[in-house]
PDB file of N, CA and C in Angstrom:
ATOM      1  N   UNK A   1      91.573 168.993  -0.525  1.00  0.00           N
ATOM      2  CA  UNK A   1      91.573 169.575   0.798  1.00  0.00           C
ATOM      3  C   UNK A   1      93.001 170.004   1.154  1.00  0.00           C
ATOM      4  N   UNK A   2      93.166 171.229   1.548  1.00  0.00           N
ATOM      5  CA  UNK A   2      94.484 171.762   1.877  1.00  0.00           C
ATOM      6  C   UNK A   2      94.861 171.395   3.308  1.00  0.00           C
ATOM      7  N   UNK A   3      96.132 171.178   3.520  1.00  0.00           N
ATOM      8  CA  UNK A   3      96.643 170.897   4.855  1.00  0.00           C
ATOM      9  C   UNK A   3      97.314 172.139   5.389  1.00  0.00           C
ATOM     10  N   UNK A   4      97.144 172.367   6.648  1.00  0.00           N
ATOM     11  CA  UNK A   4      97.854 173.458   7.308  1.00  0.00           C
ATOM     12  C   UNK A   4      98.908 172.824   8.205  1.00  0.00           C
ATOM     13  N   UNK A   5     100.125 173.248   8.041  1.00  0.00           N
ATOM     14  CA  UNK A   5     101.234 172.696   8.801  1.00  0.00           C
ATOM     15  C   UNK A   5     101.603 173.669   9.904  1.00  0.00           C
ATOM     16  N   UNK A   6     101.420 173.238  11.134  1.00  0.00           N
ATOM     17  CA  UNK A   6     101.767 174.091  12.266  1.00  0.00           C
ATOM     18  C   UNK A   6     103.261 174.022  12.562  1.00  0.00           C
ATOM     19  N   UNK A   7     103.816 172.827  12.444  1.00  0.00           N
ATOM     20  CA  UNK A   7     105.214 172.644  12.820  1.00  0.00           C
ATOM     21  C   UNK A   7     105.953 171.862  11.744  1.00  0.00           C
ATOM     22  N   UNK A   8     106.969 172.470  11.241  1.00  0.00           N
ATOM     23  CA  UNK A   8     107.877 171.761  10.339  1.00  0.00           C
ATOM     24  C   UNK A   8     109.175 171.571  11.100  1.00  0.00           C
ATOM     25  N   UNK A   9     109.838 170.499  10.839  1.00  0.00           N
ATOM     26  CA  UNK A   9     111.099 170.278  11.523  1.00  0.00           C
ATOM     27  C   UNK A   9     111.787 169.042  10.995  1.00  0.00           C
ATOM     28  N   UNK A  10     112.889 168.729  11.597  1.00  0.00           N
ATOM     29  CA  UNK A  10     113.623 167.521  11.266  1.00  0.00           C
ATOM     30  C   UNK A  10     113.583 166.595  12.481  1.00  0.00           C
ATOM     31  N   UNK A  11     113.556 165.310  12.218  1.00  0.00           N
ATOM     32  CA  UNK A  11     113.609 164.317  13.287  1.00  0.00           C
ATOM     33  C   UNK A  11     114.872 163.504  13.071  1.00  0.00           C
ATOM     34  N   UNK A  12     115.750 163.601  14.012  1.00  0.00           N
ATOM     35  CA  UNK A  12     117.036 162.926  13.912  1.00  0.00           C
ATOM     36  C   UNK A  12     116.917 161.486  14.401  1.00  0.00           C
ATOM     37  N   UNK A  13     117.429 160.576  13.614  1.00  0.00           N
ATOM     38  CA  UNK A  13     117.498 159.169  14.001  1.00  0.00           C
ATOM     39  C   UNK A  13     118.878 158.667  13.616  1.00  0.00           C
ATOM     40  N   UNK A  14     119.593 158.163  14.588  1.00  0.00           N
ATOM     41  CA  UNK A  14     120.918 157.615  14.338  1.00  0.00           C
ATOM     42  C   UNK A  14     120.794 156.110  14.180  1.00  0.00           C
ATOM     43  N   UNK A  15     121.053 155.622  12.983  1.00  0.00           N
ATOM     44  CA  UNK A  15     121.009 154.186  12.722  1.00  0.00           C
ATOM     45  C   UNK A  15     122.425 153.668  12.953  1.00  0.00           C
ATOM     46  N   UNK A  16     122.567 152.895  14.022  1.00  0.00           N
ATOM     47  CA  UNK A  16     123.887 152.438  14.446  1.00  0.00           C
ATOM     48  C   UNK A  16     124.176 151.008  14.032  1.00  0.00           C
ATOM     49  N   UNK A  17     123.188 150.334  13.502  1.00  0.00           N
ATOM     50  CA  UNK A  17     123.357 148.958  13.058  1.00  0.00           C
ATOM     51  C   UNK A  17     122.008 148.392  12.678  1.00  0.00           C
ATOM     52  N   UNK A  18     121.970 147.134  12.240  1.00  0.00           N
ATOM     53  CA  UNK A  18     120.705 146.557  11.792  1.00  0.00           C
ATOM     54  C   UNK A  18     119.669 146.424  12.912  1.00  0.00           C
ATOM     55  N   UNK A  19     120.129 146.370  14.153  1.00  0.00           N
ATOM     56  CA  UNK A  19     119.209 146.156  15.268  1.00  0.00           C
ATOM     57  C   UNK A  19     119.109 147.330  16.229  1.00  0.00           C
ATOM     58  N   UNK A  20     119.749 148.446  15.906  1.00  0.00           N
ATOM     59  CA  UNK A  20     119.711 149.562  16.850  1.00  0.00           C
ATOM     60  C   UNK A  20     119.693 150.904  16.130  1.00  0.00           C
ATOM     61  N   UNK A  21     118.729 151.708  16.535  1.00  0.00           N
ATOM     62  CA  UNK A  21     118.650 153.099  16.101  1.00  0.00           C
ATOM     63  C   UNK A  21     118.290 153.906  17.337  1.00  0.00           C
ATOM     64  N   UNK A  22     118.847 155.092  17.423  1.00  0.00           N
ATOM     65  CA  UNK A  22     118.547 155.991  18.529  1.00  0.00           C
ATOM     66  C   UNK A  22     117.870 157.212  17.933  1.00  0.00           C
ATOM     67  N   UNK A  23     116.682 157.493  18.418  1.00  0.00           N
ATOM     68  CA  UNK A  23     115.937 158.643  17.928  1.00  0.00           C
ATOM     69  C   UNK A  23     115.286 159.386  19.071  1.00  0.00           C
ATOM     70  N   UNK A  24     114.398 160.303  18.741  1.00  0.00           N
ATOM     71  CA  UNK A  24     113.768 161.141  19.767  1.00  0.00           C
ATOM     72  C   UNK A  24     113.040 160.352  20.852  1.00  0.00           C
ATOM     73  N   UNK A  25     112.373 159.280  20.505  1.00  0.00           N
ATOM     74  CA  UNK A  25     111.616 158.510  21.500  1.00  0.00           C
ATOM     75  C   UNK A  25     112.509 157.902  22.564  1.00  0.00           C
ATOM     76  N   UNK A  26     113.566 157.242  22.141  1.00  0.00           N
ATOM     77  CA  UNK A  26     114.474 156.623  23.104  1.00  0.00           C
ATOM     78  C   UNK A  26     115.204 157.681  23.930  1.00  0.00           C
ATOM     79  N   UNK A  27     115.580 158.762  23.300  1.00  0.00           N
ATOM     80  CA  UNK A  27     116.281 159.821  24.029  1.00  0.00           C
ATOM     81  C   UNK A  27     115.340 160.501  25.017  1.00  0.00           C
ATOM     82  N   UNK A  28     114.087 160.715  24.623  1.00  0.00           N
ATOM     83  CA  UNK A  28     113.109 161.263  25.564  1.00  0.00           C
ATOM     84  C   UNK A  28     112.931 160.327  26.756  1.00  0.00           C
ATOM     85  N   UNK A  29     112.908 159.021  26.500  1.00  0.00           N
ATOM     86  CA  UNK A  29     112.790 158.045  27.579  1.00  0.00           C
ATOM     87  C   UNK A  29     113.991 158.144  28.524  1.00  0.00           C
ATOM     88  N   UNK A  30     115.187 158.269  27.966  1.00  0.00           N
ATOM     89  CA  UNK A  30     116.370 158.437  28.817  1.00  0.00           C
ATOM     90  C   UNK A  30     116.255 159.684  29.690  1.00  0.00           C
ATOM     91  N   UNK A  31     115.777 160.771  29.109  1.00  0.00           N
ATOM     92  CA  UNK A  31     115.603 162.001  29.896  1.00  0.00           C
ATOM     93  C   UNK A  31     114.609 161.796  31.030  1.00  0.00           C
ATOM     94  N   UNK A  32     113.529 161.082  30.754  1.00  0.00           N
ATOM     95  CA  UNK A  32     112.525 160.835  31.786  1.00  0.00           C
ATOM     96  C   UNK A  32     113.061 159.910  32.876  1.00  0.00           C
ATOM     97  N   UNK A  33     113.870 158.923  32.510  1.00  0.00           N
ATOM     98  CA  UNK A  33     114.500 158.066  33.515  1.00  0.00           C
ATOM     99  C   UNK A  33     115.408 158.917  34.405  1.00  0.00           C
ATOM    100  N   UNK A  34     116.152 159.802  33.791  1.00  0.00           N
ATOM    101  CA  UNK A  34     117.039 160.700  34.552  1.00  0.00           C
ATOM    102  C   UNK A  34     116.219 161.557  35.521  1.00  0.00           C
ATOM    103  N   UNK A  35     115.085 162.086  35.053  1.00  0.00           N
ATOM    104  CA  UNK A  35     114.242 162.956  35.885  1.00  0.00           C
ATOM    105  C   UNK A  35     113.534 162.205  37.007  1.00  0.00           C
ATOM    106  N   UNK A  36     113.014 161.018  36.693  1.00  0.00           N
ATOM    107  CA  UNK A  36     112.165 160.310  37.650  1.00  0.00           C
ATOM    108  C   UNK A  36     112.895 159.263  38.478  1.00  0.00           C
ATOM    109  N   UNK A  37     114.022 158.759  37.976  1.00  0.00           N
ATOM    110  CA  UNK A  37     114.725 157.685  38.670  1.00  0.00           C
ATOM    111  C   UNK A  37     114.019 156.345  38.556  1.00  0.00           C
ATOM    112  N   UNK A  38     113.138 156.218  37.564  1.00  0.00           N
ATOM    113  CA  UNK A  38     112.351 154.997  37.418  1.00  0.00           C
ATOM    114  C   UNK A  38     112.014 154.769  35.951  1.00  0.00           C
ATOM    115  N   UNK A  39     112.238 153.553  35.481  1.00  0.00           N
ATOM    116  CA  UNK A  39     111.874 153.218  34.111  1.00  0.00           C
ATOM    117  C   UNK A  39     110.353 153.182  33.978  1.00  0.00           C
ATOM    118  N   UNK A  40     109.679 152.605  34.959  1.00  0.00           N
ATOM    119  CA  UNK A  40     108.214 152.521  34.911  1.00  0.00           C
ATOM    120  C   UNK A  40     107.594 153.914  34.917  1.00  0.00           C
ATOM    121  N   UNK A  41     108.063 154.786  35.787  1.00  0.00           N
ATOM    122  CA  UNK A  41     107.516 156.143  35.859  1.00  0.00           C
ATOM    123  C   UNK A  41     107.839 156.923  34.592  1.00  0.00           C
ATOM    124  N   UNK A  42     109.035 156.741  34.070  1.00  0.00           N
ATOM    125  CA  UNK A  42     109.410 157.411  32.825  1.00  0.00           C
ATOM    126  C   UNK A  42     108.455 157.007  31.708  1.00  0.00           C
ATOM    127  N   UNK A  43     108.190 155.713  31.597  1.00  0.00           N
ATOM    128  CA  UNK A  43     107.258 155.231  30.582  1.00  0.00           C
ATOM    129  C   UNK A  43     105.869 155.794  30.776  1.00  0.00           C
ATOM    130  N   UNK A  44     105.394 155.798  32.031  1.00  0.00           N
ATOM    131  CA  UNK A  44     104.051 156.334  32.320  1.00  0.00           C
ATOM    132  C   UNK A  44     103.928 157.788  31.899  1.00  0.00           C
ATOM    133  N   UNK A  45     104.943 158.592  32.188  1.00  0.00           N
ATOM    134  CA  UNK A  45     104.867 160.017  31.841  1.00  0.00           C
ATOM    135  C   UNK A  45     104.838 160.230  30.333  1.00  0.00           C
ATOM    136  N   UNK A  46     105.304 159.226  29.587  1.00  0.00           N
ATOM    137  CA  UNK A  46     105.298 159.316  28.127  1.00  0.00           C
ATOM    138  C   UNK A  46     104.104 158.588  27.504  1.00  0.00           C
ATOM    139  N   UNK A  47     103.216 158.050  28.346  1.00  0.00           N
ATOM    140  CA  UNK A  47     102.074 157.305  27.825  1.00  0.00           C
ATOM    141  C   UNK A  47     102.458 155.951  27.267  1.00  0.00           C
ATOM    142  N   UNK A  48     103.506 155.383  27.810  1.00  0.00           N
ATOM    143  CA  UNK A  48     104.072 154.138  27.312  1.00  0.00           C
ATOM    144  C   UNK A  48     103.883 153.045  28.373  1.00  0.00           C
ATOM    145  N   UNK A  49     103.651 151.841  27.948  1.00  0.00           N
ATOM    146  CA  UNK A  49     103.501 150.748  28.906  1.00  0.00           C
ATOM    147  C   UNK A  49     104.840 150.459  29.594  1.00  0.00           C
ATOM    148  N   UNK A  50     104.729 149.888  30.766  1.00  0.00           N
ATOM    149  CA  UNK A  50     105.896 149.460  31.537  1.00  0.00           C
ATOM    150  C   UNK A  50     106.767 148.524  30.701  1.00  0.00           C
ATOM    151  N   UNK A  51     106.103 147.565  30.051  1.00  0.00           N
ATOM    152  CA  UNK A  51     106.817 146.577  29.232  1.00  0.00           C
ATOM    153  C   UNK A  51     107.572 147.243  28.090  1.00  0.00           C
ATOM    154  N   UNK A  52     106.934 148.189  27.403  1.00  0.00           N
ATOM    155  CA  UNK A  52     107.574 148.868  26.268  1.00  0.00           C
ATOM    156  C   UNK A  52     108.776 149.687  26.735  1.00  0.00           C
ATOM    157  N   UNK A  53     108.640 150.391  27.845  1.00  0.00           N
ATOM    158  CA  UNK A  53     109.751 151.181  28.370  1.00  0.00           C
ATOM    159  C   UNK A  53     110.941 150.279  28.682  1.00  0.00           C
ATOM    160  N   UNK A  54     110.685 149.150  29.319  1.00  0.00           N
ATOM    161  CA  UNK A  54     111.759 148.209  29.631  1.00  0.00           C
ATOM    162  C   UNK A  54     112.376 147.636  28.358  1.00  0.00           C
ATOM    163  N   UNK A  55     111.563 147.350  27.348  1.00  0.00           N
ATOM    164  CA  UNK A  55     112.095 146.830  26.079  1.00  0.00           C
ATOM    165  C   UNK A  55     113.049 147.826  25.437  1.00  0.00           C
ATOM    166  N   UNK A  56     112.663 149.093  25.412  1.00  0.00           N
ATOM    167  CA  UNK A  56     113.516 150.111  24.788  1.00  0.00           C
ATOM    168  C   UNK A  56     114.827 150.278  25.549  1.00  0.00           C
ATOM    169  N   UNK A  57     114.761 150.302  26.864  1.00  0.00           N
ATOM    170  CA  UNK A  57     115.978 150.398  27.670  1.00  0.00           C
ATOM    171  C   UNK A  57     116.843 149.161  27.445  1.00  0.00           C
ATOM    172  N   UNK A  58     116.208 147.992  27.421  1.00  0.00           N
ATOM    173  CA  UNK A  58     116.944 146.746  27.182  1.00  0.00           C
ATOM    174  C   UNK A  58     117.630 146.732  25.824  1.00  0.00           C
ATOM    175  N   UNK A  59     116.952 147.233  24.812  1.00  0.00           N
ATOM    176  CA  UNK A  59     117.531 147.315  23.467  1.00  0.00           C
ATOM    177  C   UNK A  59     118.785 148.184  23.477  1.00  0.00           C
ATOM    178  N   UNK A  60     118.693 149.330  24.150  1.00  0.00           N
ATOM    179  CA  UNK A  60     119.866 150.219  24.212  1.00  0.00           C
ATOM    180  C   UNK A  60     120.979 149.586  25.029  1.00  0.00           C
ATOM    181  N   UNK A  61     120.648 148.999  26.169  1.00  0.00           N
ATOM    182  CA  UNK A  61     121.685 148.378  27.001  1.00  0.00           C
ATOM    183  C   UNK A  61     122.378 147.234  26.273  1.00  0.00           C
ATOM    184  N   UNK A  62     121.622 146.457  25.509  1.00  0.00           N
ATOM    185  CA  UNK A  62     122.193 145.318  24.786  1.00  0.00           C
ATOM    186  C   UNK A  62     123.037 145.742  23.591  1.00  0.00           C
ATOM    187  N   UNK A  63     122.755 146.899  23.026  1.00  0.00           N
ATOM    188  CA  UNK A  63     123.415 147.331  21.797  1.00  0.00           C
ATOM    189  C   UNK A  63     124.825 147.869  22.025  1.00  0.00           C
ATOM    190  N   UNK A  64     125.072 148.385  23.208  1.00  0.00           N
ATOM    191  CA  UNK A  64     126.358 149.029  23.479  1.00  0.00           C
ATOM    192  C   UNK A  64     127.222 148.160  24.388  1.00  0.00           C
ATOM    193  N   UNK A  65     128.517 148.398  24.354  1.00  0.00           N
ATOM    194  CA  UNK A  65     129.448 147.671  25.214  1.00  0.00           C
ATOM    195  C   UNK A  65     129.199 147.974  26.681  1.00  0.00           C
ATOM    196  N   UNK A  66     128.711 149.176  26.949  1.00  0.00           N
ATOM    197  CA  UNK A  66     128.414 149.600  28.311  1.00  0.00           C
ATOM    198  C   UNK A  66     126.915 149.826  28.439  1.00  0.00           C
ATOM    199  N   UNK A  67     126.335 149.589  29.605  1.00  0.00           N
ATOM    200  CA  UNK A  67     124.903 149.874  29.751  1.00  0.00           C
ATOM    201  C   UNK A  67     124.630 151.373  29.699  1.00  0.00           C
ATOM    202  N   UNK A  68     123.429 151.700  29.302  1.00  0.00           N
ATOM    203  CA  UNK A  68     122.972 153.081  29.236  1.00  0.00           C
ATOM    204  C   UNK A  68     122.241 153.434  30.537  1.00  0.00           C
ATOM    205  N   UNK A  69     121.508 152.464  31.069  1.00  0.00           N
ATOM    206  CA  UNK A  69     120.750 152.621  32.310  1.00  0.00           C
ATOM    207  C   UNK A  69     121.059 151.433  33.205  1.00  0.00           C
ATOM    208  N   UNK A  70     121.216 151.695  34.498  1.00  0.00           N
ATOM    209  CA  UNK A  70     121.358 150.622  35.479  1.00  0.00           C
ATOM    210  C   UNK A  70     120.196 150.720  36.458  1.00  0.00           C
ATOM    211  N   UNK A  71     119.797 149.568  36.966  1.00  0.00           N
ATOM    212  CA  UNK A  71     118.680 149.522  37.901  1.00  0.00           C
ATOM    213  C   UNK A  71     119.141 148.909  39.213  1.00  0.00           C
ATOM    214  N   UNK A  72     118.391 149.237  40.260  1.00  0.00           N
ATOM    215  CA  UNK A  72     118.616 148.605  41.552  1.00  0.00           C
ATOM    216  C   UNK A  72     117.288 148.039  42.018  1.00  0.00           C
ATOM    217  N   UNK A  73     117.356 146.938  42.741  1.00  0.00           N
ATOM    218  CA  UNK A  73     116.144 146.253  43.198  1.00  0.00           C
ATOM    219  C   UNK A  73     115.406 147.091  44.231  1.00  0.00           C
ATOM    220  N   UNK A  74     114.117 146.795  44.331  1.00  0.00           N
ATOM    221  CA  UNK A  74     113.253 147.478  45.298  1.00  0.00           C
ATOM    222  C   UNK A  74     113.557 147.059  46.725  1.00  0.00           C
ATOM    223  N   UNK A  75     112.536 147.050  47.549  1.00  0.00           N
ATOM    224  CA  UNK A  75     112.710 146.739  48.959  1.00  0.00           C
ATOM    225  C   UNK A  75     112.688 148.018  49.769  1.00  0.00           C
ATOM    226  N   UNK A  76     113.406 148.023  50.868  1.00  0.00           N
ATOM    227  CA  UNK A  76     113.408 149.188  51.762  1.00  0.00           C
ATOM    228  C   UNK A  76     113.924 150.434  51.064  1.00  0.00           C
ATOM    229  N   UNK A  77     114.888 150.253  50.151  1.00  0.00           N
ATOM    230  CA  UNK A  77     115.466 151.407  49.455  1.00  0.00           C
ATOM    231  C   UNK A  77     114.641 151.824  48.236  1.00  0.00           C
ATOM    232  N   UNK A  78     113.574 151.085  47.936  1.00  0.00           N
ATOM    233  CA  UNK A  78     112.643 151.371  46.844  1.00  0.00           C
ATOM    234  C   UNK A  78     113.217 151.185  45.439  1.00  0.00           C
ATOM    235  N   UNK A  79     114.470 150.846  45.291  1.00  0.00           N
ATOM    236  CA  UNK A  79     115.016 150.587  43.970  1.00  0.00           C
ATOM    237  C   UNK A  79     115.007 151.816  43.092  1.00  0.00           C
ATOM    238  N   UNK A  80     115.213 151.596  41.809  1.00  0.00           N
ATOM    239  CA  UNK A  80     115.189 152.712  40.889  1.00  0.00           C
ATOM    240  C   UNK A  80     116.071 152.464  39.688  1.00  0.00           C
ATOM    241  N   UNK A  81     116.220 153.501  38.886  1.00  0.00           N
ATOM    242  CA  UNK A  81     117.016 153.427  37.664  1.00  0.00           C
ATOM    243  C   UNK A  81     117.780 154.734  37.512  1.00  0.00           C
ATOM    244  N   UNK A  82     118.997 154.622  37.040  1.00  0.00           N
ATOM    245  CA  UNK A  82     119.814 155.808  36.781  1.00  0.00           C
ATOM    246  C   UNK A  82     120.560 155.631  35.471  1.00  0.00           C
ATOM    247  N   UNK A  83     120.848 156.756  34.839  1.00  0.00           N
ATOM    248  CA  UNK A  83     121.688 156.719  33.650  1.00  0.00           C
ATOM    249  C   UNK A  83     123.123 156.500  34.084  1.00  0.00           C
ATOM    250  N   UNK A  84     123.829 155.693  33.320  1.00  0.00           N
ATOM    251  CA  UNK A  84     125.253 155.537  33.553  1.00  0.00           C
ATOM    252  C   UNK A  84     125.973 156.759  32.988  1.00  0.00           C
ATOM    253  N   UNK A  85     127.263 156.837  33.226  1.00  0.00           N
ATOM    254  CA  UNK A  85     128.040 157.928  32.625  1.00  0.00           C
ATOM    255  C   UNK A  85     127.922 157.866  31.107  1.00  0.00           C
ATOM    256  N   UNK A  86     127.959 156.661  30.556  1.00  0.00           N
ATOM    257  CA  UNK A  86     127.798 156.507  29.117  1.00  0.00           C
ATOM    258  C   UNK A  86     126.398 156.944  28.675  1.00  0.00           C
ATOM    259  N   UNK A  87     125.371 156.606  29.456  1.00  0.00           N
ATOM    260  CA  UNK A  87     124.009 157.021  29.144  1.00  0.00           C
ATOM    261  C   UNK A  87     123.866 158.535  29.133  1.00  0.00           C
ATOM    262  N   UNK A  88     124.502 159.191  30.100  1.00  0.00           N
ATOM    263  CA  UNK A  88     124.507 160.659  30.150  1.00  0.00           C
ATOM    264  C   UNK A  88     125.171 161.235  28.906  1.00  0.00           C
ATOM    265  N   UNK A  89     126.291 160.621  28.522  1.00  0.00           N
ATOM    266  CA  UNK A  89     127.025 161.082  27.337  1.00  0.00           C
ATOM    267  C   UNK A  89     126.194 160.879  26.070  1.00  0.00           C
ATOM    268  N   UNK A  90     125.533 159.746  25.959  1.00  0.00           N
ATOM    269  CA  UNK A  90     124.683 159.467  24.804  1.00  0.00           C
ATOM    270  C   UNK A  90     123.574 160.517  24.710  1.00  0.00           C
ATOM    271  N   UNK A  91     122.931 160.798  25.819  1.00  0.00           N
ATOM    272  CA  UNK A  91     121.869 161.802  25.866  1.00  0.00           C
ATOM    273  C   UNK A  91     122.390 163.177  25.456  1.00  0.00           C
ATOM    274  N   UNK A  92     123.493 163.584  26.033  1.00  0.00           N
ATOM    275  CA  UNK A  92     124.078 164.896  25.738  1.00  0.00           C
ATOM    276  C   UNK A  92     124.486 165.007  24.278  1.00  0.00           C
ATOM    277  N   UNK A  93     125.146 163.984  23.771  1.00  0.00           N
ATOM    278  CA  UNK A  93     125.634 164.042  22.393  1.00  0.00           C
ATOM    279  C   UNK A  93     124.490 164.013  21.384  1.00  0.00           C
ATOM    280  N   UNK A  94     123.448 163.237  21.662  1.00  0.00           N
ATOM    281  CA  UNK A  94     122.301 163.211  20.753  1.00  0.00           C
ATOM    282  C   UNK A  94     121.641 164.589  20.717  1.00  0.00           C
ATOM    283  N   UNK A  95     121.400 165.176  21.881  1.00  0.00           N
ATOM    284  CA  UNK A  95     120.738 166.488  21.927  1.00  0.00           C
ATOM    285  C   UNK A  95     121.580 167.559  21.231  1.00  0.00           C
ATOM    286  N   UNK A  96     122.894 167.491  21.379  1.00  0.00           N
ATOM    287  CA  UNK A  96     123.765 168.448  20.694  1.00  0.00           C
ATOM    288  C   UNK A  96     123.667 168.262  19.176  1.00  0.00           C
ATOM    289  N   UNK A  97     123.734 167.037  18.718  1.00  0.00           N
ATOM    290  CA  UNK A  97     123.618 166.758  17.286  1.00  0.00           C
ATOM    291  C   UNK A  97     122.238 167.175  16.774  1.00  0.00           C
ATOM    292  N   UNK A  98     121.216 166.994  17.580  1.00  0.00           N
ATOM    293  CA  UNK A  98     119.866 167.412  17.207  1.00  0.00           C
ATOM    294  C   UNK A  98     119.799 168.928  17.020  1.00  0.00           C
ATOM    295  N   UNK A  99     120.378 169.674  17.953  1.00  0.00           N
ATOM    296  CA  UNK A  99     120.393 171.141  17.825  1.00  0.00           C
ATOM    297  C   UNK A  99     121.165 171.577  16.582  1.00  0.00           C
ATOM    298  N   UNK A 100     122.307 170.937  16.333  1.00  0.00           N
ATOM    299  CA  UNK A 100     123.112 171.281  15.162  1.00  0.00           C
ATOM    300  C   UNK A 100     122.353 170.973  13.868  1.00  0.00           C
ATOM    301  N   UNK A 101     121.667 169.858  13.826  1.00  0.00           N
ATOM    302  CA  UNK A 101     120.889 169.472  12.648  1.00  0.00           C
ATOM    303  C   UNK A 101     119.759 170.469  12.396  1.00  0.00           C
ATOM    304  N   UNK A 102     119.063 170.841  13.461  1.00  0.00           N
ATOM    305  CA  UNK A 102     117.976 171.819  13.328  1.00  0.00           C
ATOM    306  C   UNK A 102     118.504 173.156  12.823  1.00  0.00           C
ATOM    307  N   UNK A 103     119.661 173.556  13.309  1.00  0.00           N
ATOM    308  CA  UNK A 103     120.254 174.819  12.876  1.00  0.00           C
ATOM    309  C   UNK A 103     120.594 174.779  11.383  1.00  0.00           C
ATOM    310  N   UNK A 104     121.211 173.695  10.950  1.00  0.00           N
ATOM    311  CA  UNK A 104     121.595 173.553   9.538  1.00  0.00           C
ATOM    312  C   UNK A 104     120.361 173.521   8.639  1.00  0.00           C
ATOM    313  N   UNK A 105     119.290 172.903   9.115  1.00  0.00           N
ATOM    314  CA  UNK A 105     118.082 172.745   8.295  1.00  0.00           C
ATOM    315  C   UNK A 105     117.161 173.961   8.335  1.00  0.00           C
ATOM    316  N   UNK A 106     117.424 174.921   9.200  1.00  0.00           N
ATOM    317  CA  UNK A 106     116.508 176.038   9.428  1.00  0.00           C
ATOM    318  C   UNK A 106     116.126 176.793   8.151  1.00  0.00           C
ATOM    319  N   UNK A 107     117.091 177.190   7.343  1.00  0.00           N
ATOM    320  CA  UNK A 107     116.758 177.976   6.149  1.00  0.00           C
ATOM    321  C   UNK A 107     115.992 177.137   5.125  1.00  0.00           C
ATOM    322  N   UNK A 108     116.349 175.878   4.984  1.00  0.00           N
ATOM    323  CA  UNK A 108     115.624 175.004   4.062  1.00  0.00           C
ATOM    324  C   UNK A 108     114.185 174.829   4.526  1.00  0.00           C
ATOM    325  N   UNK A 109     113.983 174.637   5.826  1.00  0.00           N
ATOM    326  CA  UNK A 109     112.623 174.486   6.354  1.00  0.00           C
ATOM    327  C   UNK A 109     111.808 175.758   6.158  1.00  0.00           C
ATOM    328  N   UNK A 110     112.435 176.904   6.335  1.00  0.00           N
ATOM    329  CA  UNK A 110     111.740 178.178   6.104  1.00  0.00           C
ATOM    330  C   UNK A 110     111.299 178.278   4.652  1.00  0.00           C
ATOM    331  N   UNK A 111     112.193 177.939   3.724  1.00  0.00           N
ATOM    332  CA  UNK A 111     111.849 177.964   2.301  1.00  0.00           C
ATOM    333  C   UNK A 111     110.712 177.000   1.981  1.00  0.00           C
ATOM    334  N   UNK A 112     110.781 175.808   2.540  1.00  0.00           N
ATOM    335  CA  UNK A 112     109.733 174.818   2.293  1.00  0.00           C
ATOM    336  C   UNK A 112     108.401 175.249   2.906  1.00  0.00           C
ATOM    337  N   UNK A 113     108.457 175.839   4.080  1.00  0.00           N
ATOM    338  CA  UNK A 113     107.226 176.330   4.706  1.00  0.00           C
ATOM    339  C   UNK A 113     106.585 177.398   3.828  1.00  0.00           C
ATOM    340  N   UNK A 114     107.383 178.297   3.291  1.00  0.00           N
ATOM    341  CA  UNK A 114     106.870 179.341   2.405  1.00  0.00           C
ATOM    342  C   UNK A 114     106.316 178.761   1.108  1.00  0.00           C
ATOM    343  N   UNK A 115     106.798 177.604   0.702  1.00  0.00           N
ATOM    344  CA  UNK A 115     106.352 176.978  -0.548  1.00  0.00           C
ATOM    345  C   UNK A 115     105.107 176.114  -0.365  1.00  0.00           C
ATOM    346  N   UNK A 116     104.676 175.893   0.880  1.00  0.00           N
ATOM    347  CA  UNK A 116     103.485 175.067   1.114  1.00  0.00           C
ATOM    348  C   UNK A 116     102.243 175.767   0.593  1.00  0.00           C
ATOM    349  N   UNK A 117     101.302 174.997   0.094  1.00  0.00           N
ATOM    350  CA  UNK A 117     100.096 175.542  -0.520  1.00  0.00           C
ATOM    351  C   UNK A 117      99.208 176.269   0.487  1.00  0.00           C
ATOM    352  N   UNK A 118      99.054 175.750   1.695  1.00  0.00           N
ATOM    353  CA  UNK A 118      98.197 176.373   2.707  1.00  0.00           C
ATOM    354  C   UNK A 118      96.841 176.791   2.171  1.00  0.00           C
ATOM    355  N   UNK A 119      96.254 175.945   1.360  1.00  0.00           N
ATOM    356  CA  UNK A 119      94.910 176.224   0.871  1.00  0.00           C
ATOM    357  C   UNK A 119      94.874 176.881  -0.495  1.00  0.00           C
ATOM    358  N   UNK A 120      95.994 177.386  -0.970  1.00  0.00           N
ATOM    359  CA  UNK A 120      96.028 178.024  -2.280  1.00  0.00           C
ATOM    360  C   UNK A 120      97.015 177.304  -3.164  1.00  0.00           C
ATOM    361  N   UNK A 121      96.579 176.976  -4.347  1.00  0.00           N
ATOM    362  CA  UNK A 121      97.468 176.295  -5.275  1.00  0.00           C
ATOM    363  C   UNK A 121      97.441 177.037  -6.596  1.00  0.00           C
ATOM    364  N   UNK A 122      98.622 177.246  -7.143  1.00  0.00           N
ATOM    365  CA  UNK A 122      98.704 177.868  -8.457  1.00  0.00           C
ATOM    366  C   UNK A 122      99.141 176.803  -9.444  1.00  0.00           C
ATOM    367  N   UNK A 123      98.486 176.756 -10.566  1.00  0.00           N
ATOM    368  CA  UNK A 123      98.848 175.761 -11.595  1.00  0.00           C
ATOM    369  C   UNK A 123      99.331 176.463 -12.830  1.00  0.00           C
TER     370      UNK A 123
END
């Protein structure tokens, strides 16, 4: 059975140590926290449980000398979450490296896409 590939691409993952890697999922979560001002809402928009979203943020905050996200308690002000300056920098730098990686890989991906069988195989 032949496979049809709609999207070829590269997925960047930065392995920073034995207990921390930053990839598209965590960076997408950071973007959603920035947009929504809430870790819970960010997780919901990504189809992720509240607990999982908090775990990922906690992993990032624990891995670096500076926090990536800070939270404030609820109450009258409703609380929330914001990216720190370091969190903003991490997000920006990852996205820039992602664009650069995609650019470098573009011709190789085009060649590989052209080499895919797409239902026809020559032996």
